[in-house]
PDB file of N, CA and C in Angstrom:
ATOM      1  N   UNK A   1       0.758  -1.134  -0.046  1.00  0.00           N
ATOM      2  CA  UNK A   1       0.137   0.123   0.026  1.00  0.00           C
ATOM      3  C   UNK A   1       0.840   1.311   0.006  1.00  0.00           C
ATOM      4  N   UNK A   2       0.660   2.187  -0.966  1.00  0.00           N
ATOM      5  CA  UNK A   2       1.329   3.377  -1.103  1.00  0.00           C
ATOM      6  C   UNK A   2       0.475   4.473  -0.283  1.00  0.00           C
ATOM      7  N   UNK A   3       0.942   5.083   0.653  1.00  0.00           N
ATOM      8  CA  UNK A   3       0.219   5.940   1.519  1.00  0.00           C
ATOM      9  C   UNK A   3      -0.124   7.335   0.762  1.00  0.00           C
ATOM     10  N   UNK A   4       0.779   7.540  -0.379  1.00  0.00           N
ATOM     11  CA  UNK A   4       0.426   8.810  -1.139  1.00  0.00           C
ATOM     12  C   UNK A   4      -0.675   8.434  -2.164  1.00  0.00           C
ATOM     13  N   UNK A   5      -0.742   7.237  -2.619  1.00  0.00           N
ATOM     14  CA  UNK A   5      -1.987   6.847  -3.425  1.00  0.00           C
ATOM     15  C   UNK A   5      -3.144   7.064  -2.711  1.00  0.00           C
ATOM     16  N   UNK A   6      -3.193   6.508  -1.423  1.00  0.00           N
ATOM     17  CA  UNK A   6      -4.326   6.539  -0.708  1.00  0.00           C
ATOM     18  C   UNK A   6      -4.765   8.219  -0.414  1.00  0.00           C
ATOM     19  N   UNK A   7      -3.802   9.022  -0.203  1.00  0.00           N
ATOM     20  CA  UNK A   7      -4.113  10.314   0.095  1.00  0.00           C
ATOM     21  C   UNK A   7      -4.777  10.958  -1.277  1.00  0.00           C
ATOM     22  N   UNK A   8      -4.165  10.637  -2.253  1.00  0.00           N
ATOM     23  CA  UNK A   8      -4.571  11.121  -3.532  1.00  0.00           C
ATOM     24  C   UNK A   8      -6.142  10.799  -3.785  1.00  0.00           C
ATOM     25  N   UNK A   9      -6.302   9.282  -3.462  1.00  0.00           N
ATOM     26  CA  UNK A   9      -7.604   8.787  -3.570  1.00  0.00           C
ATOM     27  C   UNK A   9      -8.478   9.664  -2.672  1.00  0.00           C
ATOM     28  N   UNK A  10      -8.283   9.877  -1.506  1.00  0.00           N
ATOM     29  CA  UNK A  10      -9.079  10.750  -0.665  1.00  0.00           C
ATOM     30  C   UNK A  10      -9.393  12.112  -1.090  1.00  0.00           C
ATOM     31  N   UNK A  11      -8.198  12.676  -1.714  1.00  0.00           N
ATOM     32  CA  UNK A  11      -8.437  14.083  -2.417  1.00  0.00           C
ATOM     33  C   UNK A  11      -9.542  13.943  -3.416  1.00  0.00           C
ATOM     34  N   UNK A  12      -9.431  12.885  -4.348  1.00  0.00           N
ATOM     35  CA  UNK A  12     -10.274  12.703  -5.438  1.00  0.00           C
ATOM     36  C   UNK A  12     -11.739  12.542  -4.899  1.00  0.00           C
ATOM     37  N   UNK A  13     -11.877  11.720  -3.748  1.00  0.00           N
ATOM     38  CA  UNK A  13     -13.279  11.417  -3.233  1.00  0.00           C
ATOM     39  C   UNK A  13     -13.791  12.746  -2.515  1.00  0.00           C
ATOM     40  N   UNK A  14     -12.937  13.482  -1.885  1.00  0.00           N
ATOM     41  CA  UNK A  14     -13.497  14.587  -1.376  1.00  0.00           C
ATOM     42  C   UNK A  14     -14.069  15.544  -2.566  1.00  0.00           C
ATOM     43  N   UNK A  15     -13.483  15.676  -3.700  1.00  0.00           N
ATOM     44  CA  UNK A  15     -14.045  16.507  -4.796  1.00  0.00           C
ATOM     45  C   UNK A  15     -15.287  15.924  -5.263  1.00  0.00           C
ATOM     46  N   UNK A  16     -15.751  14.646  -4.967  1.00  0.00           N
ATOM     47  CA  UNK A  16     -16.968  14.205  -5.411  1.00  0.00           C
ATOM     48  C   UNK A  16     -18.070  14.200  -4.388  1.00  0.00           C
ATOM     49  N   UNK A  17     -17.834  14.810  -3.371  1.00  0.00           N
ATOM     50  CA  UNK A  17     -18.788  15.062  -2.144  1.00  0.00           C
ATOM     51  C   UNK A  17     -19.625  16.238  -2.454  1.00  0.00           C
ATOM     52  N   UNK A  18     -20.833  15.995  -2.006  1.00  0.00           N
ATOM     53  CA  UNK A  18     -21.948  17.090  -2.138  1.00  0.00           C
ATOM     54  C   UNK A  18     -21.333  18.443  -1.527  1.00  0.00           C
ATOM     55  N   UNK A  19     -20.622  18.220  -0.381  1.00  0.00           N
ATOM     56  CA  UNK A  19     -20.262  19.331   0.397  1.00  0.00           C
ATOM     57  C   UNK A  19     -19.140  20.232  -0.637  1.00  0.00           C
ATOM     58  N   UNK A  20     -18.277  19.502  -1.043  1.00  0.00           N
ATOM     59  CA  UNK A  20     -17.239  20.048  -1.890  1.00  0.00           C
ATOM     60  C   UNK A  20     -17.828  20.775  -3.037  1.00  0.00           C
ATOM     61  N   UNK A  21     -18.630  20.098  -3.823  1.00  0.00           N
ATOM     62  CA  UNK A  21     -19.450  20.635  -4.918  1.00  0.00           C
ATOM     63  C   UNK A  21     -20.185  21.886  -4.804  1.00  0.00           C
ATOM     64  N   UNK A  22     -21.002  21.750  -3.611  1.00  0.00           N
ATOM     65  CA  UNK A  22     -22.009  22.982  -3.219  1.00  0.00           C
ATOM     66  C   UNK A  22     -21.054  24.251  -2.873  1.00  0.00           C
ATOM     67  N   UNK A  23     -19.731  23.935  -2.191  1.00  0.00           N
ATOM     68  CA  UNK A  23     -18.947  25.094  -1.773  1.00  0.00           C
ATOM     69  C   UNK A  23     -18.249  25.551  -3.087  1.00  0.00           C
ATOM     70  N   UNK A  24     -17.810  24.645  -3.882  1.00  0.00           N
ATOM     71  CA  UNK A  24     -17.191  25.224  -5.115  1.00  0.00           C
ATOM     72  C   UNK A  24     -18.311  26.084  -5.877  1.00  0.00           C
ATOM     73  N   UNK A  25     -19.318  25.508  -6.100  1.00  0.00           N
ATOM     74  CA  UNK A  25     -20.601  26.275  -6.791  1.00  0.00           C
ATOM     75  C   UNK A  25     -20.775  27.556  -6.255  1.00  0.00           C
ATOM     76  N   UNK A  26     -20.939  27.640  -4.984  1.00  0.00           N
ATOM     77  CA  UNK A  26     -21.318  28.833  -4.297  1.00  0.00           C
ATOM     78  C   UNK A  26     -20.125  29.885  -4.302  1.00  0.00           C
ATOM     79  N   UNK A  27     -18.929  29.282  -4.130  1.00  0.00           N
ATOM     80  CA  UNK A  27     -17.760  30.202  -4.291  1.00  0.00           C
ATOM     81  C   UNK A  27     -17.831  30.971  -5.635  1.00  0.00           C
ATOM     82  N   UNK A  28     -18.008  30.225  -6.601  1.00  0.00           N
ATOM     83  CA  UNK A  28     -18.101  30.756  -8.004  1.00  0.00           C
ATOM     84  C   UNK A  28     -19.245  31.679  -8.213  1.00  0.00           C
ATOM     85  N   UNK A  29     -20.256  31.636  -7.531  1.00  0.00           N
ATOM     86  CA  UNK A  29     -21.389  32.576  -7.492  1.00  0.00           C
ATOM     87  C   UNK A  29     -20.985  33.828  -6.803  1.00  0.00           C
ATOM     88  N   UNK A  30     -20.197  33.788  -5.744  1.00  0.00           N
ATOM     89  CA  UNK A  30     -19.642  34.802  -5.014  1.00  0.00           C
ATOM     90  C   UNK A  30     -18.668  35.593  -5.933  1.00  0.00           C
ATOM     91  N   UNK A  31     -17.759  34.806  -6.477  1.00  0.00           N
ATOM     92  CA  UNK A  31     -16.774  35.398  -7.265  1.00  0.00           C
ATOM     93  C   UNK A  31     -17.419  36.408  -8.490  1.00  0.00           C
ATOM     94  N   UNK A  32     -18.479  35.961  -8.895  1.00  0.00           N
ATOM     95  CA  UNK A  32     -19.143  36.745 -10.119  1.00  0.00           C
ATOM     96  C   UNK A  32     -20.128  37.785  -9.633  1.00  0.00           C
ATOM     97  N   UNK A  33     -20.172  38.043  -8.172  1.00  0.00           N
ATOM     98  CA  UNK A  33     -20.857  39.128  -7.633  1.00  0.00           C
ATOM     99  C   UNK A  33     -20.011  40.077  -6.959  1.00  0.00           C
ATOM    100  N   UNK A  34     -19.478  41.181  -7.384  1.00  0.00           N
ATOM    101  CA  UNK A  34     -18.419  42.008  -6.781  1.00  0.00           C
ATOM    102  C   UNK A  34     -18.938  42.531  -5.400  1.00  0.00           C
ATOM    103  N   UNK A  35     -20.165  42.823  -5.347  1.00  0.00           N
ATOM    104  CA  UNK A  35     -20.640  43.512  -4.041  1.00  0.00           C
ATOM    105  C   UNK A  35     -20.699  42.332  -2.978  1.00  0.00           C
ATOM    106  N   UNK A  36     -21.248  41.311  -3.345  1.00  0.00           N
ATOM    107  CA  UNK A  36     -21.243  40.180  -2.293  1.00  0.00           C
ATOM    108  C   UNK A  36     -19.905  39.647  -1.862  1.00  0.00           C
ATOM    109  N   UNK A  37     -19.016  39.571  -2.948  1.00  0.00           N
ATOM    110  CA  UNK A  37     -17.689  39.225  -2.694  1.00  0.00           C
ATOM    111  C   UNK A  37     -17.014  40.084  -1.682  1.00  0.00           C
ATOM    112  N   UNK A  38     -17.071  41.445  -1.955  1.00  0.00           N
ATOM    113  CA  UNK A  38     -16.454  42.496  -1.105  1.00  0.00           C
ATOM    114  C   UNK A  38     -17.161  42.215   0.272  1.00  0.00           C
ATOM    115  N   UNK A  39     -18.203  42.029   0.526  1.00  0.00           N
ATOM    116  CA  UNK A  39     -18.949  41.864   1.975  1.00  0.00           C
ATOM    117  C   UNK A  39     -18.326  40.537   2.608  1.00  0.00           C
ATOM    118  N   UNK A  40     -18.271  39.583   1.802  1.00  0.00           N
ATOM    119  CA  UNK A  40     -17.696  38.296   2.346  1.00  0.00           C
ATOM    120  C   UNK A  40     -16.204  38.425   2.651  1.00  0.00           C
ATOM    121  N   UNK A  41     -15.397  39.098   1.906  1.00  0.00           N
ATOM    122  CA  UNK A  41     -14.129  39.290   2.191  1.00  0.00           C
ATOM    123  C   UNK A  41     -13.954  40.162   3.541  1.00  0.00           C
ATOM    124  N   UNK A  42     -14.850  41.162   3.509  1.00  0.00           N
ATOM    125  CA  UNK A  42     -15.001  42.054   4.753  1.00  0.00           C
ATOM    126  C   UNK A  42     -15.229  41.124   5.956  1.00  0.00           C
ATOM    127  N   UNK A  43     -16.186  40.293   5.823  1.00  0.00           N
ATOM    128  CA  UNK A  43     -16.615  39.388   6.857  1.00  0.00           C
ATOM    129  C   UNK A  43     -15.504  38.440   7.296  1.00  0.00           C
ATOM    130  N   UNK A  44     -14.797  37.877   6.431  1.00  0.00           N
ATOM    131  CA  UNK A  44     -13.708  37.043   6.651  1.00  0.00           C
ATOM    132  C   UNK A  44     -12.470  37.841   7.586  1.00  0.00           C
ATOM    133  N   UNK A  45     -12.207  39.051   7.052  1.00  0.00           N
ATOM    134  CA  UNK A  45     -11.133  39.763   7.528  1.00  0.00           C
ATOM    135  C   UNK A  45     -11.529  40.068   9.179  1.00  0.00           C
ATOM    136  N   UNK A  46     -12.849  40.620   9.277  1.00  0.00           N
ATOM    137  CA  UNK A  46     -13.425  40.819  10.615  1.00  0.00           C
ATOM    138  C   UNK A  46     -13.300  39.614  11.608  1.00  0.00           C
ATOM    139  N   UNK A  47     -13.737  38.449  10.942  1.00  0.00           N
ATOM    140  CA  UNK A  47     -13.697  37.240  11.651  1.00  0.00           C
ATOM    141  C   UNK A  47     -12.268  36.754  12.277  1.00  0.00           C
ATOM    142  N   UNK A  48     -11.272  36.962  11.394  1.00  0.00           N
ATOM    143  CA  UNK A  48      -9.930  36.889  11.984  1.00  0.00           C
ATOM    144  C   UNK A  48      -9.459  37.783  13.040  1.00  0.00           C
ATOM    145  N   UNK A  49      -9.690  39.178  12.710  1.00  0.00           N
ATOM    146  CA  UNK A  49      -9.463  40.211  13.508  1.00  0.00           C
ATOM    147  C   UNK A  49     -10.260  39.910  15.167  1.00  0.00           C
ATOM    148  N   UNK A  50     -11.439  39.435  14.883  1.00  0.00           N
ATOM    149  CA  UNK A  50     -12.333  39.252  16.186  1.00  0.00           C
ATOM    150  C   UNK A  50     -11.605  38.063  16.999  1.00  0.00           C
ATOM    151  N   UNK A  51     -11.258  37.007  16.284  1.00  0.00           N
ATOM    152  CA  UNK A  51     -10.657  35.906  16.959  1.00  0.00           C
ATOM    153  C   UNK A  51      -9.277  36.321  17.672  1.00  0.00           C
ATOM    154  N   UNK A  52      -8.549  36.972  16.805  1.00  0.00           N
ATOM    155  CA  UNK A  52      -7.304  37.301  17.354  1.00  0.00           C
ATOM    156  C   UNK A  52      -7.338  38.303  18.618  1.00  0.00           C
ATOM    157  N   UNK A  53      -8.418  39.177  18.598  1.00  0.00           N
ATOM    158  CA  UNK A  53      -8.566  39.985  19.665  1.00  0.00           C
ATOM    159  C   UNK A  53      -9.017  39.230  20.943  1.00  0.00           C
ATOM    160  N   UNK A  54      -9.836  38.180  20.686  1.00  0.00           N
ATOM    161  CA  UNK A  54     -10.340  37.414  21.738  1.00  0.00           C
ATOM    162  C   UNK A  54      -9.227  36.681  22.355  1.00  0.00           C
ATOM    163  N   UNK A  55      -8.484  36.152  21.568  1.00  0.00           N
ATOM    164  CA  UNK A  55      -7.291  35.194  22.166  1.00  0.00           C
ATOM    165  C   UNK A  55      -6.137  36.024  22.819  1.00  0.00           C
ATOM    166  N   UNK A  56      -6.074  37.092  22.516  1.00  0.00           N
ATOM    167  CA  UNK A  56      -5.198  38.221  23.062  1.00  0.00           C
ATOM    168  C   UNK A  56      -5.977  38.905  24.309  1.00  0.00           C
ATOM    169  N   UNK A  57      -7.117  38.846  24.454  1.00  0.00           N
ATOM    170  CA  UNK A  57      -7.879  39.460  25.476  1.00  0.00           C
ATOM    171  C   UNK A  57      -7.867  40.940  25.321  1.00  0.00           C
ATOM    172  N   UNK A  58      -7.959  41.333  23.971  1.00  0.00           N
ATOM    173  CA  UNK A  58      -7.884  42.902  23.977  1.00  0.00           C
ATOM    174  C   UNK A  58      -9.217  43.517  24.248  1.00  0.00           C
ATOM    175  N   UNK A  59      -9.152  44.687  24.456  1.00  0.00           N
ATOM    176  CA  UNK A  59     -10.434  45.375  25.084  1.00  0.00           C
ATOM    177  C   UNK A  59     -11.475  45.667  23.927  1.00  0.00           C
ATOM    178  N   UNK A  60     -11.125  45.649  22.669  1.00  0.00           N
ATOM    179  CA  UNK A  60     -12.072  45.729  21.576  1.00  0.00           C
ATOM    180  C   UNK A  60     -12.680  44.413  20.977  1.00  0.00           C
ATOM    181  N   UNK A  61     -12.277  43.284  21.734  1.00  0.00           N
ATOM    182  CA  UNK A  61     -12.988  42.045  21.339  1.00  0.00           C
ATOM    183  C   UNK A  61     -14.353  42.066  21.283  1.00  0.00           C
ATOM    184  N   UNK A  62     -15.115  42.584  22.229  1.00  0.00           N
ATOM    185  CA  UNK A  62     -16.468  42.543  22.096  1.00  0.00           C
ATOM    186  C   UNK A  62     -16.944  43.376  21.131  1.00  0.00           C
ATOM    187  N   UNK A  63     -16.548  44.506  20.935  1.00  0.00           N
ATOM    188  CA  UNK A  63     -17.000  45.493  19.762  1.00  0.00           C
ATOM    189  C   UNK A  63     -16.758  44.782  18.584  1.00  0.00           C
ATOM    190  N   UNK A  64     -15.651  44.063  18.364  1.00  0.00           N
ATOM    191  CA  UNK A  64     -15.445  43.365  17.088  1.00  0.00           C
ATOM    192  C   UNK A  64     -16.414  42.276  16.891  1.00  0.00           C
ATOM    193  N   UNK A  65     -16.682  41.549  17.977  1.00  0.00           N
ATOM    194  CA  UNK A  65     -17.837  40.427  17.900  1.00  0.00           C
ATOM    195  C   UNK A  65     -19.223  41.043  17.446  1.00  0.00           C
ATOM    196  N   UNK A  66     -19.470  42.147  18.033  1.00  0.00           N
ATOM    197  CA  UNK A  66     -20.697  42.633  17.674  1.00  0.00           C
ATOM    198  C   UNK A  66     -20.886  43.132  16.119  1.00  0.00           C
ATOM    199  N   UNK A  67     -19.826  43.721  15.783  1.00  0.00           N
ATOM    200  CA  UNK A  67     -19.673  44.099  14.366  1.00  0.00           C
ATOM    201  C   UNK A  67     -19.779  42.763  13.495  1.00  0.00           C
ATOM    202  N   UNK A  68     -18.978  41.668  13.893  1.00  0.00           N
ATOM    203  CA  UNK A  68     -19.103  40.682  13.072  1.00  0.00           C
ATOM    204  C   UNK A  68     -20.524  40.012  13.021  1.00  0.00           C
ATOM    205  N   UNK A  69     -21.150  40.067  14.201  1.00  0.00           N
ATOM    206  CA  UNK A  69     -22.506  39.387  14.181  1.00  0.00           C
ATOM    207  C   UNK A  69     -23.457  40.187  13.490  1.00  0.00           C
ATOM    208  N   UNK A  70     -23.294  41.508  13.546  1.00  0.00           N
ATOM    209  CA  UNK A  70     -24.150  42.436  12.528  1.00  0.00           C
ATOM    210  C   UNK A  70     -23.853  42.296  10.965  1.00  0.00           C
ATOM    211  N   UNK A  71     -22.663  42.029  10.690  1.00  0.00           N
ATOM    212  CA  UNK A  71     -22.214  41.764   9.291  1.00  0.00           C
ATOM    213  C   UNK A  71     -22.725  40.369   8.754  1.00  0.00           C
ATOM    214  N   UNK A  72     -22.667  39.388   9.688  1.00  0.00           N
ATOM    215  CA  UNK A  72     -23.243  38.191   9.485  1.00  0.00           C
ATOM    216  C   UNK A  72     -24.793  38.229   9.261  1.00  0.00           C
ATOM    217  N   UNK A  73     -25.297  38.933  10.040  1.00  0.00           N
ATOM    218  CA  UNK A  73     -26.900  38.999   9.983  1.00  0.00           C
ATOM    219  C   UNK A  73     -27.219  39.755   8.565  1.00  0.00           C
ATOM    220  N   UNK A  74     -26.528  40.705   8.321  1.00  0.00           N
ATOM    221  CA  UNK A  74     -26.639  41.328   6.983  1.00  0.00           C
ATOM    222  C   UNK A  74     -26.410  40.471   5.766  1.00  0.00           C
ATOM    223  N   UNK A  75     -25.352  39.680   5.857  1.00  0.00           N
ATOM    224  CA  UNK A  75     -24.940  38.699   4.778  1.00  0.00           C
ATOM    225  C   UNK A  75     -26.052  37.542   4.676  1.00  0.00           C
ATOM    226  N   UNK A  76     -26.642  37.144   5.830  1.00  0.00           N
ATOM    227  CA  UNK A  76     -27.623  36.124   5.737  1.00  0.00           C
ATOM    228  C   UNK A  76     -28.897  36.583   5.050  1.00  0.00           C
ATOM    229  N   UNK A  77     -29.183  37.955   4.951  1.00  0.00           N
ATOM    230  CA  UNK A  77     -30.271  38.348   4.296  1.00  0.00           C
ATOM    231  C   UNK A  77     -30.244  38.275   2.702  1.00  0.00           C
ATOM    232  N   UNK A  78     -28.875  37.907   2.274  1.00  0.00           N
ATOM    233  CA  UNK A  78     -28.657  37.928   0.810  1.00  0.00           C
ATOM    234  C   UNK A  78     -28.477  36.362   0.480  1.00  0.00           C
ATOM    235  N   UNK A  79     -29.281  35.910  -0.440  1.00  0.00           N
ATOM    236  CA  UNK A  79     -29.387  34.470  -0.712  1.00  0.00           C
ATOM    237  C   UNK A  79     -28.235  33.881  -1.101  1.00  0.00           C
ATOM    238  N   UNK A  80     -27.411  34.567  -2.026  1.00  0.00           N
ATOM    239  CA  UNK A  80     -25.994  34.263  -2.468  1.00  0.00           C
ATOM    240  C   UNK A  80     -25.088  34.022  -1.359  1.00  0.00           C
ATOM    241  N   UNK A  81     -24.782  35.175  -0.502  1.00  0.00           N
ATOM    242  CA  UNK A  81     -24.103  34.966   0.620  1.00  0.00           C
ATOM    243  C   UNK A  81     -24.555  33.822   1.603  1.00  0.00           C
ATOM    244  N   UNK A  82     -25.757  33.700   1.926  1.00  0.00           N
ATOM    245  CA  UNK A  82     -26.164  32.729   2.866  1.00  0.00           C
ATOM    246  C   UNK A  82     -25.958  31.440   2.237  1.00  0.00           C
ATOM    247  N   UNK A  83     -26.176  31.116   1.038  1.00  0.00           N
ATOM    248  CA  UNK A  83     -25.795  29.701   0.513  1.00  0.00           C
ATOM    249  C   UNK A  83     -24.230  29.554   0.603  1.00  0.00           C
ATOM    250  N   UNK A  84     -23.394  30.651   0.389  1.00  0.00           N
ATOM    251  CA  UNK A  84     -22.001  30.384   0.476  1.00  0.00           C
ATOM    252  C   UNK A  84     -21.731  30.108   1.942  1.00  0.00           C
ATOM    253  N   UNK A  85     -22.094  30.927   2.777  1.00  0.00           N
ATOM    254  CA  UNK A  85     -21.903  30.825   4.374  1.00  0.00           C
ATOM    255  C   UNK A  85     -22.189  29.310   4.829  1.00  0.00           C
ATOM    256  N   UNK A  86     -23.345  28.751   4.335  1.00  0.00           N
ATOM    257  CA  UNK A  86     -23.662  27.531   4.746  1.00  0.00           C
ATOM    258  C   UNK A  86     -22.969  26.437   4.075  1.00  0.00           C
ATOM    259  N   UNK A  87     -22.663  26.594   2.737  1.00  0.00           N
ATOM    260  CA  UNK A  87     -21.805  25.517   2.045  1.00  0.00           C
ATOM    261  C   UNK A  87     -20.370  25.605   2.718  1.00  0.00           C
ATOM    262  N   UNK A  88     -19.875  26.761   3.004  1.00  0.00           N
ATOM    263  CA  UNK A  88     -18.422  26.730   3.710  1.00  0.00           C
ATOM    264  C   UNK A  88     -18.448  26.025   4.877  1.00  0.00           C
ATOM    265  N   UNK A  89     -19.486  26.228   5.748  1.00  0.00           N
ATOM    266  CA  UNK A  89     -19.680  25.682   6.957  1.00  0.00           C
ATOM    267  C   UNK A  89     -19.701  24.111   6.892  1.00  0.00           C
ATOM    268  N   UNK A  90     -20.672  23.661   5.913  1.00  0.00           N
ATOM    269  CA  UNK A  90     -20.662  22.223   5.877  1.00  0.00           C
ATOM    270  C   UNK A  90     -19.324  21.537   5.328  1.00  0.00           C
ATOM    271  N   UNK A  91     -18.685  22.320   4.303  1.00  0.00           N
ATOM    272  CA  UNK A  91     -17.297  21.661   3.935  1.00  0.00           C
ATOM    273  C   UNK A  91     -16.231  21.901   5.006  1.00  0.00           C
ATOM    274  N   UNK A  92     -16.253  22.725   5.791  1.00  0.00           N
ATOM    275  CA  UNK A  92     -15.304  22.908   6.899  1.00  0.00           C
ATOM    276  C   UNK A  92     -15.610  21.851   7.872  1.00  0.00           C
ATOM    277  N   UNK A  93     -16.826  21.494   8.240  1.00  0.00           N
ATOM    278  CA  UNK A  93     -17.135  20.343   9.132  1.00  0.00           C
ATOM    279  C   UNK A  93     -16.593  19.124   8.592  1.00  0.00           C
ATOM    280  N   UNK A  94     -16.861  18.846   7.252  1.00  0.00           N
ATOM    281  CA  UNK A  94     -16.387  17.492   6.674  1.00  0.00           C
ATOM    282  C   UNK A  94     -14.870  17.465   6.836  1.00  0.00           C
ATOM    283  N   UNK A  95     -14.164  18.483   6.396  1.00  0.00           N
ATOM    284  CA  UNK A  95     -12.709  18.592   6.489  1.00  0.00           C
ATOM    285  C   UNK A  95     -12.183  18.317   7.934  1.00  0.00           C
ATOM    286  N   UNK A  96     -12.861  18.982   8.986  1.00  0.00           N
ATOM    287  CA  UNK A  96     -12.590  18.780  10.334  1.00  0.00           C
ATOM    288  C   UNK A  96     -12.691  17.531  10.797  1.00  0.00           C
ATOM    289  N   UNK A  97     -13.800  16.792  10.355  1.00  0.00           N
ATOM    290  CA  UNK A  97     -14.114  15.395  10.794  1.00  0.00           C
ATOM    291  C   UNK A  97     -13.013  14.505  10.070  1.00  0.00           C
ATOM    292  N   UNK A  98     -12.562  14.750   8.993  1.00  0.00           N
ATOM    293  CA  UNK A  98     -11.502  13.942   8.336  1.00  0.00           C
ATOM    294  C   UNK A  98     -10.412  14.090   9.132  1.00  0.00           C
ATOM    295  N   UNK A  99      -9.952  15.369   9.386  1.00  0.00           N
ATOM    296  CA  UNK A  99      -8.640  15.676  10.120  1.00  0.00           C
ATOM    297  C   UNK A  99      -8.768  14.893  11.663  1.00  0.00           C
ATOM    298  N   UNK A 100      -9.877  14.864  12.168  1.00  0.00           N
ATOM    299  CA  UNK A 100     -10.126  14.253  13.422  1.00  0.00           C
ATOM    300  C   UNK A 100      -9.713  12.694  13.293  1.00  0.00           C
ATOM    301  N   UNK A 101     -10.379  12.144  12.308  1.00  0.00           N
ATOM    302  CA  UNK A 101     -10.175  10.594  12.181  1.00  0.00           C
ATOM    303  C   UNK A 101      -8.563  10.295  11.899  1.00  0.00           C
ATOM    304  N   UNK A 102      -7.941  11.101  10.997  1.00  0.00           N
ATOM    305  CA  UNK A 102      -6.516  10.860  10.816  1.00  0.00           C
ATOM    306  C   UNK A 102      -5.777  11.167  12.088  1.00  0.00           C
ATOM    307  N   UNK A 103      -6.128  12.216  12.998  1.00  0.00           N
ATOM    308  CA  UNK A 103      -5.305  12.656  14.095  1.00  0.00           C
ATOM    309  C   UNK A 103      -5.510  11.477  15.244  1.00  0.00           C
ATOM    310  N   UNK A 104      -6.718  11.039  15.197  1.00  0.00           N
ATOM    311  CA  UNK A 104      -6.999   9.797  16.218  1.00  0.00           C
ATOM    312  C   UNK A 104      -6.125   8.571  15.682  1.00  0.00           C
ATOM    313  N   UNK A 105      -6.028   8.310  14.634  1.00  0.00           N
ATOM    314  CA  UNK A 105      -5.347   7.164  14.153  1.00  0.00           C
ATOM    315  C   UNK A 105      -3.820   7.178  14.527  1.00  0.00           C
ATOM    316  N   UNK A 106      -3.393   8.487  14.537  1.00  0.00           N
ATOM    317  CA  UNK A 106      -1.850   8.585  14.703  1.00  0.00           C
ATOM    318  C   UNK A 106      -1.580   9.231  15.982  1.00  0.00           C
ATOM    319  N   UNK A 107      -2.549   9.458  17.002  1.00  0.00           N
ATOM    320  CA  UNK A 107      -2.305  10.318  18.233  1.00  0.00           C
ATOM    321  C   UNK A 107      -1.301   9.593  19.108  1.00  0.00           C
ATOM    322  N   UNK A 108      -1.062   8.423  19.084  1.00  0.00           N
ATOM    323  CA  UNK A 108      -0.238   7.659  20.048  1.00  0.00           C
ATOM    324  C   UNK A 108       1.393   8.195  19.645  1.00  0.00           C
ATOM    325  N   UNK A 109       1.682   8.615  18.341  1.00  0.00           N
ATOM    326  CA  UNK A 109       3.090   9.021  18.057  1.00  0.00           C
ATOM    327  C   UNK A 109       3.265  10.551  18.003  1.00  0.00           C
ATOM    328  N   UNK A 110       1.946  11.262  17.925  1.00  0.00           N
ATOM    329  CA  UNK A 110       2.044  12.800  17.880  1.00  0.00           C
ATOM    330  C   UNK A 110       1.818  13.509  19.187  1.00  0.00           C
ATOM    331  N   UNK A 111       1.384  12.574  20.158  1.00  0.00           N
ATOM    332  CA  UNK A 111       1.272  13.227  21.501  1.00  0.00           C
ATOM    333  C   UNK A 111      -0.079  13.232  21.656  1.00  0.00           C
TER     334      UNK A 111
END
């Protein structure tokens, strides 16, 4: 058994999942709509800022979280953005689950 062949098969199978296809399709829709793409980019940037602020215990963490929630609410009112955010979440959950399975299998050697 060649582990790299197995990894390549996994990558190929991931591309066949509904989660991957929906995420790819919704990402293409976002890319073709400059206004929505700009809002999604703003949301992603703000999400990273808010997470960093929370981890560092910065005083503006709550303010950033409120802004993030408000922007999320605004995005969710747009069908294209809503579909994208939902597809992104489903795909992320799938990838996280796969990572957990692999990590569990090798945990005795990685600590």
